[in-house]
Amino acid sequence: MLNDLIKKHMESVSDYAEIRSQINTTSGVSIVAGNLVGNSRATTSGVSARVYKNGVYGFASAGEYSDESIKEVIDAARDNALFLDRRVNKGKPPLIDTTIADYHEKHDFIDVPQKILIDYARRLDDYISEKYPNLASRSVMIRFDSIERLLHVSTGSFSHSISPRSCIYISMTAEAADGTNVELFDVMDCQRGYFTEVFTDPKELYEKIDDLYEKLMAKKEGVFSEAGVCDCIIDSSIAGMIAHEAVGHTVEADLVLAGSVAASKLGQKVASDKISIIDFAHTAFGKEVPLPVYVDDEGTPCEDAVLIKDGILTEYMNNKESALYFDMKPRGNARAFSFSDEPLIRMRNTAILPGTDKLEDMIASIDNGYYLTRTQNGQADTTGEFMFGITMGYEIKNGKLGKAIRDTTISGVAFDMLKTVDMLSDEISWASSGYCGKKQPMPVSDGGPAVKCRINIGGR
């Protein structure tokens, strides 16, 4: 746990300032075909200061957390702010005050030895090897990350948080009849917490491994999709990725100011009446979200940001500075990955809200289309245009599921595609194993229901 060395230095700060100490810990092991090919562990730590003056920030950081280094980064950040202010002369007003009472998350750091990760991964690999010897290849990966932050803001805000996350991934490859290899990758489980807290017995994942193998065998016998625009049902993981990549980034205020498609659409209809998208802070549907954030790295208490409500674009995600510009309330979207990073406007837990339809009724409503269930990669830009790789899905013929399909892609423009949505399932699920790569990596989660829409799908 970080000791609070910063508090006594706040008395020397006259301008608005954020002083943050932070420790990032990552661990990982990878086993491919029974061989340990990856065994890594890394820790980065230090302290940073950011000072605001008349519309400009001065920033400085140091890799040592001590009284001397704290004083040095405060002085350097102040000097940088003064230097920029003299030359830029923006003359902007003070930032929005979001002072909160102290927030302290009571969770001790748990040091998990690499051997525990290796032994757990080997047991999973042994199970796959013994039960499914016909596989062309297999891999087991375990990843753990933890971010501990201690933040003081000159307005009086203080927070101390620890955010651990543990994930297990498995990939299987089989040879199809045509001689090509068919692969299927899945997140077996990903939970908030230290590895030994959330994973105790590898047997708990055997059923999920069996299900992954069965789907791989179906995919091995699968057909290629027919290219074109058609009715599709995209499952929750794909819906969540669209909410994050193709919608969320377009409504981050810094990207709006840079000219994203959302810059001219505030208050306008951008989706079907059935679509509402929220960037959840820490609680959704009566329980904690996968990666809760209670205080951001500007000391702002976190609230939900309602991005789209009943098809209408209602607000942007902001930091204190952009909230002042757009006359919106900052809701805690300023986040920094490492001690040496400045906070950027980032998503937290972004999701499409569920509807009232049953998945079986959604499938029954389609005469000729596809049910798409897994994606592994994709890209989108600030125009809302996207392309995602689909690694698992099924034909829908006359309202019934048909054969599995081989790898394909979907593409479109998010706001156009969302206007075609006419059914949403009544259940939501989350994906929380990934990182957002906007300038800095950042743990995020996204989610949604199954979504029926018209979308462009690739062919052979």
Protein backbone atom coordinates (compact mmCIF):
# COMPACT_ATOMS: atom_id res chain seq x y z
CA MET A 1 0.00 0.00 0.00
CA LEU A 2 1.18 3.50 -0.84
CA ASN A 3 1.97 5.69 2.13
CA ASP A 4 0.66 9.24 1.88
CA LEU A 5 3.77 11.38 1.48
CA ILE A 6 1.95 14.00 -0.56
CA LYS A 7 -0.43 15.63 1.91
CA LYS A 8 2.19 17.72 3.71
CA HIS A 9 3.38 19.16 0.39
CA MET A 10 -0.05 20.50 -0.60
CA GLU A 11 0.41 23.57 1.60
CA SER A 12 3.05 24.85 -0.83
CA VAL A 13 0.63 24.74 -3.78
CA SER A 14 -1.06 28.05 -4.62
CA ASP A 15 -2.47 27.30 -8.09
CA TYR A 16 -4.80 24.47 -8.99
CA ALA A 17 -2.77 21.23 -8.89
CA GLU A 18 -3.17 17.46 -8.94
CA ILE A 19 -0.43 15.40 -7.25
CA ARG A 20 -0.63 11.65 -7.89
CA SER A 21 1.50 8.71 -6.82
CA GLN A 22 0.86 5.40 -8.53
CA ILE A 23 2.01 1.79 -8.76
CA ASN A 24 1.17 -0.37 -11.79
CA THR A 25 1.77 -4.11 -11.51
CA THR A 26 1.38 -6.63 -14.33
CA SER A 27 1.99 -10.37 -14.43
CA GLY A 28 1.47 -12.94 -17.14
CA VAL A 29 2.18 -16.50 -18.20
CA SER A 30 1.63 -18.16 -21.58
CA ILE A 31 1.69 -21.87 -22.37
CA VAL A 32 1.58 -22.98 -26.01
CA ALA A 33 1.25 -26.68 -26.80
CA GLY A 34 2.54 -27.56 -23.34
CA ASN A 35 5.55 -25.24 -23.44
CA LEU A 36 5.94 -22.24 -21.16
CA VAL A 37 6.71 -19.46 -23.66
CA GLY A 38 5.89 -16.43 -21.54
CA ASN A 39 6.57 -15.62 -17.89
CA SER A 40 6.58 -11.90 -17.15
CA ARG A 41 6.20 -9.60 -14.20
CA ALA A 42 6.67 -5.84 -14.15
CA THR A 43 6.12 -2.96 -11.77
CA THR A 44 6.26 0.75 -12.54
CA SER A 45 5.86 3.43 -9.89
CA GLY A 46 6.42 7.09 -9.28
CA VAL A 47 4.79 10.44 -8.70
CA SER A 48 3.50 13.23 -10.94
CA ALA A 49 2.18 16.76 -10.60
CA ARG A 50 -0.06 18.75 -12.93
CA VAL A 51 -0.59 22.48 -12.39
CA TYR A 52 -3.27 24.55 -14.17
CA LYS A 53 -2.89 28.25 -14.87
CA ASN A 54 -5.20 30.37 -17.03
CA GLY A 55 -6.02 27.60 -19.51
CA VAL A 56 -2.70 25.72 -19.70
CA TYR A 57 -1.26 22.79 -17.78
CA GLY A 58 2.27 22.20 -16.64
CA PHE A 59 3.14 18.55 -16.02
CA ALA A 60 6.12 16.75 -14.51
CA SER A 61 6.81 13.26 -13.19
CA ALA A 62 9.54 11.26 -11.48
CA GLY A 63 10.15 7.55 -11.04
CA GLU A 64 10.94 7.93 -7.35
CA TYR A 65 8.30 8.42 -4.68
CA SER A 66 9.92 10.43 -1.90
CA ASP A 67 9.59 13.82 -0.23
CA GLU A 68 12.38 15.20 -2.40
CA SER A 69 10.90 13.94 -5.68
CA ILE A 70 7.41 15.19 -4.75
CA LYS A 71 8.79 18.68 -4.16
CA GLU A 72 10.75 18.53 -7.43
CA VAL A 73 7.78 17.52 -9.59
CA ILE A 74 5.54 20.17 -8.01
CA ASP A 75 8.15 22.85 -8.69
CA ALA A 76 8.75 21.60 -12.25
CA ALA A 77 5.03 21.40 -13.06
CA ARG A 78 4.53 24.96 -11.70
CA ASP A 79 7.44 26.26 -13.76
CA ASN A 80 6.09 24.55 -16.87
CA ALA A 81 2.63 26.06 -16.33
CA LEU A 82 4.09 29.55 -15.86
CA PHE A 83 6.24 29.15 -18.98
CA LEU A 84 3.28 28.09 -21.13
CA ASP A 85 0.98 30.75 -19.68
CA ARG A 86 3.43 33.54 -20.57
CA ARG A 87 3.70 32.34 -24.16
CA VAL A 88 0.18 31.10 -24.91
CA ASN A 89 -1.75 33.67 -22.85
CA LYS A 90 -5.10 31.89 -23.10
CA GLY A 91 -6.63 33.82 -20.22
CA LYS A 92 -9.12 31.07 -19.42
CA PRO A 93 -11.18 31.00 -16.18
CA PRO A 94 -10.55 28.59 -13.29
CA LEU A 95 -11.55 24.94 -13.69
CA ILE A 96 -14.83 23.57 -12.40
CA ASP A 97 -14.59 22.72 -8.70
CA THR A 98 -15.49 19.08 -8.05
CA THR A 99 -14.18 18.78 -4.51
CA ILE A 100 -15.19 15.58 -2.74
CA ALA A 101 -14.81 14.08 0.68
CA ASP A 102 -11.96 11.62 1.11
CA TYR A 103 -12.36 8.35 -0.79
CA HIS A 104 -10.35 5.38 0.40
CA GLU A 105 -10.75 1.90 -1.02
CA LYS A 106 -9.88 -0.71 1.57
CA HIS A 107 -8.12 -3.42 -0.39
CA ASP A 108 -4.60 -4.57 0.41
CA PHE A 109 -2.16 -5.53 -2.33
CA ILE A 110 -1.78 -9.31 -2.62
CA ASP A 111 1.56 -10.52 -3.94
CA VAL A 112 0.77 -13.62 -6.05
CA PRO A 113 3.90 -15.66 -6.92
CA GLN A 114 4.40 -16.50 -10.60
CA LYS A 115 4.48 -20.20 -9.71
CA ILE A 116 0.79 -20.08 -8.80
CA LEU A 117 -0.06 -18.68 -12.23
CA ILE A 118 2.15 -21.23 -13.98
CA ASP A 119 0.74 -24.20 -12.07
CA TYR A 120 -2.84 -23.07 -12.74
CA ALA A 121 -2.15 -22.63 -16.45
CA ARG A 122 -0.45 -26.04 -16.68
CA ARG A 123 -3.45 -27.77 -15.14
CA LEU A 124 -5.73 -26.17 -17.73
CA ASP A 125 -3.34 -27.12 -20.53
CA ASP A 126 -3.10 -30.71 -19.25
CA TYR A 127 -6.88 -31.00 -19.28
CA ILE A 128 -7.10 -29.77 -22.88
CA SER A 129 -4.22 -31.97 -24.02
CA GLU A 130 -5.58 -35.14 -22.47
CA LYS A 131 -9.22 -34.66 -23.46
CA TYR A 132 -8.71 -33.19 -26.93
CA PRO A 133 -5.52 -34.69 -28.45
CA ASN A 134 -6.76 -34.04 -32.00
CA LEU A 135 -6.19 -30.28 -31.77
CA ALA A 136 -3.62 -28.77 -34.11
CA SER A 137 -2.60 -26.24 -31.45
CA ARG A 138 -3.66 -24.89 -28.08
CA SER A 139 -2.63 -22.05 -25.80
CA VAL A 140 -3.43 -20.93 -22.27
CA MET A 141 -2.73 -17.38 -21.10
CA ILE A 142 -3.14 -15.78 -17.70
CA ARG A 143 -2.88 -12.04 -17.23
CA PHE A 144 -3.06 -9.98 -14.05
CA ASP A 145 -2.89 -6.22 -13.64
CA SER A 146 -3.28 -3.86 -10.71
CA ILE A 147 -3.27 -0.07 -10.47
CA GLU A 148 -2.94 1.65 -7.10
CA ARG A 149 -3.44 5.42 -7.07
CA LEU A 150 -3.08 8.02 -4.34
CA LEU A 151 -4.31 11.46 -5.43
CA HIS A 152 -4.41 14.89 -3.81
CA VAL A 153 -6.04 17.87 -5.54
CA SER A 154 -5.45 21.43 -4.35
CA THR A 155 -9.22 22.00 -4.09
CA GLY A 156 -9.31 19.46 -1.25
CA SER A 157 -10.15 16.20 -3.00
CA PHE A 158 -8.33 13.06 -1.89
CA SER A 159 -8.62 9.48 -3.09
CA HIS A 160 -6.73 6.24 -2.66
CA SER A 161 -7.79 3.28 -4.76
CA ILE A 162 -6.58 -0.16 -5.84
CA SER A 163 -7.95 -1.77 -9.00
CA PRO A 164 -6.83 -5.39 -9.54
CA ARG A 165 -7.98 -7.55 -12.47
CA SER A 166 -7.31 -11.23 -13.31
CA CYS A 167 -8.08 -12.89 -16.65
CA ILE A 168 -7.67 -16.30 -18.27
CA TYR A 169 -7.66 -16.79 -22.05
CA ILE A 170 -7.66 -19.99 -24.10
CA SER A 171 -7.14 -20.52 -27.80
CA MET A 172 -7.67 -23.74 -29.76
CA THR A 173 -6.85 -24.57 -33.37
CA ALA A 174 -8.15 -27.50 -35.43
CA GLU A 175 -7.54 -28.59 -39.01
CA ALA A 176 -10.59 -28.45 -41.27
CA ALA A 177 -11.38 -30.90 -44.07
CA ASP A 178 -10.00 -28.50 -46.68
CA GLY A 179 -6.60 -28.48 -44.95
CA THR A 180 -6.91 -24.99 -43.47
CA ASN A 181 -6.58 -24.28 -39.78
CA VAL A 182 -9.58 -22.96 -37.88
CA GLU A 183 -8.99 -21.10 -34.62
CA LEU A 184 -11.24 -20.04 -31.77
CA PHE A 185 -10.16 -17.82 -28.89
CA ASP A 186 -12.14 -16.93 -25.81
CA VAL A 187 -11.86 -15.29 -22.43
CA MET A 188 -12.58 -18.11 -20.01
CA ASP A 189 -13.09 -15.68 -17.17
CA CYS A 190 -12.03 -12.17 -16.19
CA GLN A 191 -12.83 -10.72 -12.79
CA ARG A 192 -11.94 -7.79 -10.63
CA GLY A 193 -9.62 -8.98 -7.89
CA TYR A 194 -6.28 -10.62 -7.27
CA PHE A 195 -5.76 -14.01 -8.90
CA THR A 196 -5.90 -16.05 -5.70
CA GLU A 197 -9.10 -14.25 -4.69
CA VAL A 198 -11.07 -15.05 -7.84
CA PHE A 199 -9.51 -18.30 -9.13
CA THR A 200 -9.07 -21.26 -6.82
CA ASP A 201 -9.65 -24.49 -8.76
CA PRO A 202 -8.99 -24.99 -12.50
CA LYS A 203 -11.84 -27.52 -12.60
CA GLU A 204 -14.25 -24.59 -12.40
CA LEU A 205 -13.30 -23.73 -16.00
CA TYR A 206 -13.50 -27.22 -17.51
CA GLU A 207 -17.11 -26.79 -18.62
CA LYS A 208 -16.22 -23.55 -20.43
CA ILE A 209 -13.28 -25.30 -22.11
CA ASP A 210 -15.59 -28.08 -23.30
CA ASP A 211 -18.00 -25.51 -24.69
CA LEU A 212 -15.18 -23.75 -26.55
CA TYR A 213 -14.08 -27.05 -28.09
CA GLU A 214 -17.63 -27.89 -29.22
CA LYS A 215 -17.93 -24.51 -30.91
CA LEU A 216 -14.55 -25.00 -32.59
CA MET A 217 -15.71 -28.34 -33.98
CA ALA A 218 -18.85 -26.67 -35.33
CA LYS A 219 -16.75 -23.91 -36.87
CA LYS A 220 -14.43 -26.49 -38.46
CA GLU A 221 -17.45 -27.78 -40.40
CA GLY A 222 -18.73 -24.27 -40.98
CA VAL A 223 -19.63 -22.41 -44.14
CA PHE A 224 -18.63 -19.00 -45.44
CA SER A 225 -21.07 -16.15 -45.03
CA GLU A 226 -22.60 -14.48 -48.07
CA ALA A 227 -21.36 -10.93 -48.51
CA GLY A 228 -23.82 -8.06 -48.34
CA VAL A 229 -26.15 -6.09 -46.09
CA CYS A 230 -28.53 -8.36 -44.20
CA ASP A 231 -30.44 -8.84 -40.96
CA CYS A 232 -28.11 -9.93 -38.19
CA ILE A 233 -28.18 -10.45 -34.48
CA ILE A 234 -24.94 -9.32 -32.86
CA ASP A 235 -24.35 -10.81 -29.46
CA SER A 236 -23.45 -8.79 -26.37
CA SER A 237 -19.65 -8.82 -26.79
CA ILE A 238 -19.94 -7.34 -30.29
CA ALA A 239 -22.61 -4.86 -29.20
CA GLY A 240 -20.33 -3.74 -26.38
CA MET A 241 -17.42 -3.25 -28.75
CA ILE A 242 -19.57 -1.10 -31.03
CA ALA A 243 -20.71 0.94 -28.01
CA HIS A 244 -17.07 1.53 -27.06
CA GLU A 245 -15.15 1.74 -30.32
CA ALA A 246 -17.66 3.12 -32.82
CA VAL A 247 -19.81 5.31 -30.54
CA GLY A 248 -17.91 5.99 -27.33
CA HIS A 249 -14.79 7.45 -28.89
CA THR A 250 -16.81 9.79 -31.08
CA VAL A 251 -18.38 11.39 -27.98
CA GLU A 252 -15.20 11.89 -25.94
CA ALA A 253 -15.03 15.66 -25.71
CA ASP A 254 -11.39 15.98 -26.79
CA LEU A 255 -12.17 14.02 -29.96
CA VAL A 256 -15.35 16.06 -30.45
CA LEU A 257 -13.22 19.21 -30.36
CA ALA A 258 -10.89 17.55 -32.89
CA GLY A 259 -13.82 17.13 -35.30
CA SER A 260 -15.48 13.78 -34.61
CA VAL A 261 -18.81 13.01 -36.26
CA ALA A 262 -20.59 13.72 -32.95
CA ALA A 263 -19.56 17.38 -32.97
CA SER A 264 -22.67 18.36 -34.91
CA LYS A 265 -25.11 15.81 -33.53
CA LEU A 266 -25.72 16.82 -29.90
CA GLY A 267 -29.45 16.75 -29.21
CA GLN A 268 -30.13 14.96 -32.49
CA LYS A 269 -31.44 11.51 -33.25
CA VAL A 270 -28.50 9.19 -33.94
CA ALA A 271 -30.05 5.78 -33.31
CA SER A 272 -33.30 3.86 -33.04
CA ASP A 273 -35.64 4.84 -30.21
CA LYS A 274 -34.71 1.52 -28.61
CA ILE A 275 -31.05 2.50 -28.17
CA SER A 276 -29.68 4.03 -24.98
CA ILE A 277 -25.95 3.95 -24.22
CA ILE A 278 -24.42 4.80 -20.84
CA ASP A 279 -20.83 5.03 -19.71
CA PHE A 280 -21.32 3.62 -16.22
CA ALA A 281 -19.06 4.80 -13.41
CA HIS A 282 -19.29 2.12 -10.75
CA THR A 283 -22.82 0.72 -10.44
CA ALA A 284 -25.31 -0.59 -12.99
CA PHE A 285 -28.57 -2.48 -12.63
CA GLY A 286 -28.21 -2.59 -8.86
CA LYS A 287 -24.69 -4.00 -8.63
CA GLU A 288 -21.08 -3.01 -9.10
CA VAL A 289 -19.84 -2.94 -12.70
CA PRO A 290 -16.83 -5.05 -13.75
CA LEU A 291 -14.27 -2.22 -13.46
CA PRO A 292 -15.73 0.40 -11.11
CA VAL A 293 -14.24 3.90 -10.94
CA TYR A 294 -15.36 6.04 -7.99
CA VAL A 295 -13.00 9.02 -8.34
CA ASP A 296 -11.14 9.97 -11.51
CA ASP A 297 -7.58 11.29 -11.80
CA GLU A 298 -8.68 14.91 -11.57
CA GLY A 299 -10.39 14.20 -8.23
CA THR A 300 -13.89 14.32 -9.72
CA PRO A 301 -16.48 11.98 -8.14
CA CYS A 302 -17.63 9.57 -10.81
CA GLU A 303 -21.18 9.50 -12.14
CA ASP A 304 -22.80 7.78 -15.08
CA ALA A 305 -22.55 9.62 -18.40
CA VAL A 306 -25.75 9.11 -20.41
CA LEU A 307 -24.44 9.32 -23.97
CA ILE A 308 -27.54 8.32 -25.93
CA LYS A 309 -31.05 8.21 -24.50
CA ASP A 310 -33.90 6.76 -26.56
CA GLY A 311 -31.89 7.34 -29.73
CA ILE A 312 -30.94 10.97 -28.94
CA LEU A 313 -27.30 12.01 -28.38
CA THR A 314 -27.49 13.71 -24.99
CA GLU A 315 -23.98 14.50 -23.75
CA TYR A 316 -20.25 14.04 -24.20
CA MET A 317 -17.71 12.52 -21.85
CA ASN A 318 -15.62 15.31 -20.35
CA ASN A 319 -12.76 16.29 -18.14
CA LYS A 320 -12.91 19.50 -16.09
CA GLU A 321 -11.57 21.66 -18.91
CA SER A 322 -13.87 20.39 -21.67
CA ALA A 323 -16.87 20.45 -19.31
CA LEU A 324 -16.24 24.17 -18.89
CA TYR A 325 -16.10 24.63 -22.66
CA PHE A 326 -19.29 22.65 -23.40
CA ASP A 327 -21.13 23.85 -20.26
CA MET A 328 -21.59 20.25 -19.09
CA LYS A 329 -21.02 18.55 -15.79
CA PRO A 330 -17.77 16.57 -15.50
CA ARG A 331 -18.66 13.01 -14.52
CA GLY A 332 -15.25 11.53 -13.78
CA ASN A 333 -13.91 10.49 -17.20
CA ALA A 334 -10.35 11.82 -16.78
CA ARG A 335 -8.03 8.83 -16.37
CA ALA A 336 -4.28 8.22 -16.55
CA PHE A 337 -2.71 4.80 -17.02
CA SER A 338 0.72 5.35 -15.47
CA PHE A 339 2.21 7.81 -12.99
CA SER A 340 4.01 9.46 -15.93
CA ASP A 341 0.81 9.95 -17.96
CA GLU A 342 -1.46 12.98 -17.88
CA PRO A 343 -5.18 12.23 -17.48
CA LEU A 344 -7.11 11.90 -20.74
CA ILE A 345 -10.85 11.69 -21.35
CA ARG A 346 -11.51 7.95 -21.22
CA MET A 347 -14.40 5.52 -21.02
CA ARG A 348 -15.02 3.29 -18.01
CA ASN A 349 -17.85 0.73 -18.41
CA THR A 350 -19.74 1.54 -21.61
CA ALA A 351 -22.88 -0.37 -22.50
CA ILE A 352 -26.01 -0.48 -24.61
CA LEU A 353 -28.98 -0.89 -22.30
CA PRO A 354 -31.04 -4.10 -22.67
CA GLY A 355 -34.53 -4.23 -24.13
CA THR A 356 -37.50 -6.52 -23.57
CA ASP A 357 -37.10 -9.17 -26.29
CA LYS A 358 -36.16 -12.81 -25.90
CA LEU A 359 -33.20 -14.04 -27.95
CA GLU A 360 -35.24 -16.94 -29.36
CA ASP A 361 -37.88 -14.49 -30.62
CA MET A 362 -35.18 -12.37 -32.23
CA ILE A 363 -33.80 -15.39 -34.08
CA ALA A 364 -37.30 -16.44 -35.11
CA SER A 365 -37.91 -13.00 -36.66
CA ILE A 366 -35.16 -13.47 -39.29
CA ASP A 367 -35.73 -15.46 -42.49
CA ASN A 368 -32.21 -15.21 -43.86
CA GLY A 369 -29.37 -13.74 -41.84
CA TYR A 370 -26.75 -14.44 -39.18
CA TYR A 371 -26.31 -14.68 -35.43
CA LEU A 372 -22.81 -13.35 -34.69
CA THR A 373 -21.40 -14.30 -31.30
CA ARG A 374 -17.68 -13.56 -31.04
CA THR A 375 -15.25 -10.89 -32.14
CA GLN A 376 -11.54 -10.75 -31.49
CA ASN A 377 -10.39 -7.56 -33.13
CA GLY A 378 -11.63 -4.47 -34.87
CA GLN A 379 -11.14 -0.83 -35.63
CA ALA A 380 -13.19 2.34 -35.74
CA ASP A 381 -12.50 6.01 -36.30
CA THR A 382 -14.03 9.30 -35.26
CA THR A 383 -16.43 9.23 -38.22
CA GLY A 384 -18.15 6.29 -36.51
CA GLU A 385 -17.10 3.97 -39.32
CA PHE A 386 -16.09 0.53 -38.06
CA MET A 387 -14.88 -2.90 -39.15
CA PHE A 388 -14.76 -5.82 -36.74
CA GLY A 389 -13.52 -9.36 -37.24
CA ILE A 390 -16.10 -12.05 -36.47
CA THR A 391 -14.65 -15.33 -35.20
CA MET A 392 -17.86 -17.22 -34.41
CA GLY A 393 -21.41 -17.10 -35.67
CA TYR A 394 -24.26 -19.07 -37.19
CA GLU A 395 -26.56 -18.90 -40.15
CA ILE A 396 -30.20 -18.09 -39.51
CA LYS A 397 -32.53 -19.80 -41.97
CA ASN A 398 -36.31 -19.45 -41.71
CA GLY A 399 -36.13 -18.33 -38.10
CA LYS A 400 -33.81 -21.13 -36.92
CA LEU A 401 -30.09 -21.40 -36.29
CA GLY A 402 -28.19 -23.22 -39.04
CA LYS A 403 -24.54 -24.05 -39.61
CA ALA A 404 -21.63 -22.28 -37.97
CA ILE A 405 -19.75 -19.83 -40.15
CA ARG A 406 -16.04 -19.29 -40.73
CA ASP A 407 -14.19 -16.08 -39.88
CA THR A 408 -15.65 -12.99 -41.49
CA THR A 409 -16.03 -9.26 -40.91
CA ILE A 410 -18.80 -6.76 -40.29
CA SER A 411 -18.59 -3.09 -41.20
CA GLY A 412 -20.66 0.05 -41.30
CA VAL A 413 -21.18 3.48 -39.76
CA ALA A 414 -22.32 3.19 -36.16
CA PHE A 415 -24.98 5.87 -36.13
CA ASP A 416 -26.47 4.52 -39.39
CA MET A 417 -26.42 0.92 -38.17
CA LEU A 418 -27.97 1.82 -34.81
CA LYS A 419 -30.94 3.42 -36.59
CA THR A 420 -31.85 -0.02 -37.99
CA VAL A 421 -32.14 -1.67 -34.55
CA ASP A 422 -35.63 -3.03 -33.96
CA MET A 423 -35.08 -5.65 -31.22
CA LEU A 424 -32.92 -5.85 -28.09
CA SER A 425 -32.64 -8.86 -25.80
CA ASP A 426 -33.65 -8.53 -22.17
CA GLU A 427 -30.27 -9.62 -20.81
CA ILE A 428 -26.92 -7.85 -20.68
CA SER A 429 -23.41 -9.26 -20.31
CA TRP A 430 -20.05 -7.56 -19.91
CA ALA A 431 -16.58 -8.01 -21.38
CA SER A 432 -13.87 -6.68 -19.06
CA SER A 433 -10.59 -8.26 -20.19
CA GLY A 434 -9.42 -5.64 -22.64
CA TYR A 435 -7.58 -2.36 -22.83
CA CYS A 436 -8.52 0.79 -24.65
CA GLY A 437 -5.55 2.07 -26.68
CA LYS A 438 -6.24 5.80 -26.91
CA LYS A 439 -2.67 7.19 -26.59
CA GLN A 440 -2.27 5.25 -23.32
CA PRO A 441 -3.56 1.75 -22.52
CA MET A 442 -6.43 1.72 -20.05
CA PRO A 443 -8.46 -1.16 -18.52
CA VAL A 444 -12.09 -0.77 -19.61
CA SER A 445 -15.21 -2.87 -19.87
CA ASP A 446 -18.10 -2.78 -22.31
CA GLY A 447 -21.36 -4.62 -22.62
CA GLY A 448 -24.82 -4.86 -24.00
CA PRO A 449 -27.67 -7.15 -24.95
CA ALA A 450 -28.07 -9.08 -28.19
CA VAL A 451 -28.97 -6.54 -30.87
CA LYS A 452 -30.97 -7.15 -34.04
CA CYS A 453 -29.95 -4.80 -36.85
CA ARG A 454 -29.02 -4.58 -40.50
CA ILE A 455 -25.30 -4.68 -41.10
CA ASN A 456 -22.78 -5.30 -43.85
CA ILE A 457 -21.13 -8.72 -43.54
CA GLY A 458 -18.14 -9.98 -45.51
CA GLY A 459 -17.99 -13.14 -47.61
CA ARG A 460 -15.33 -15.66 -48.51
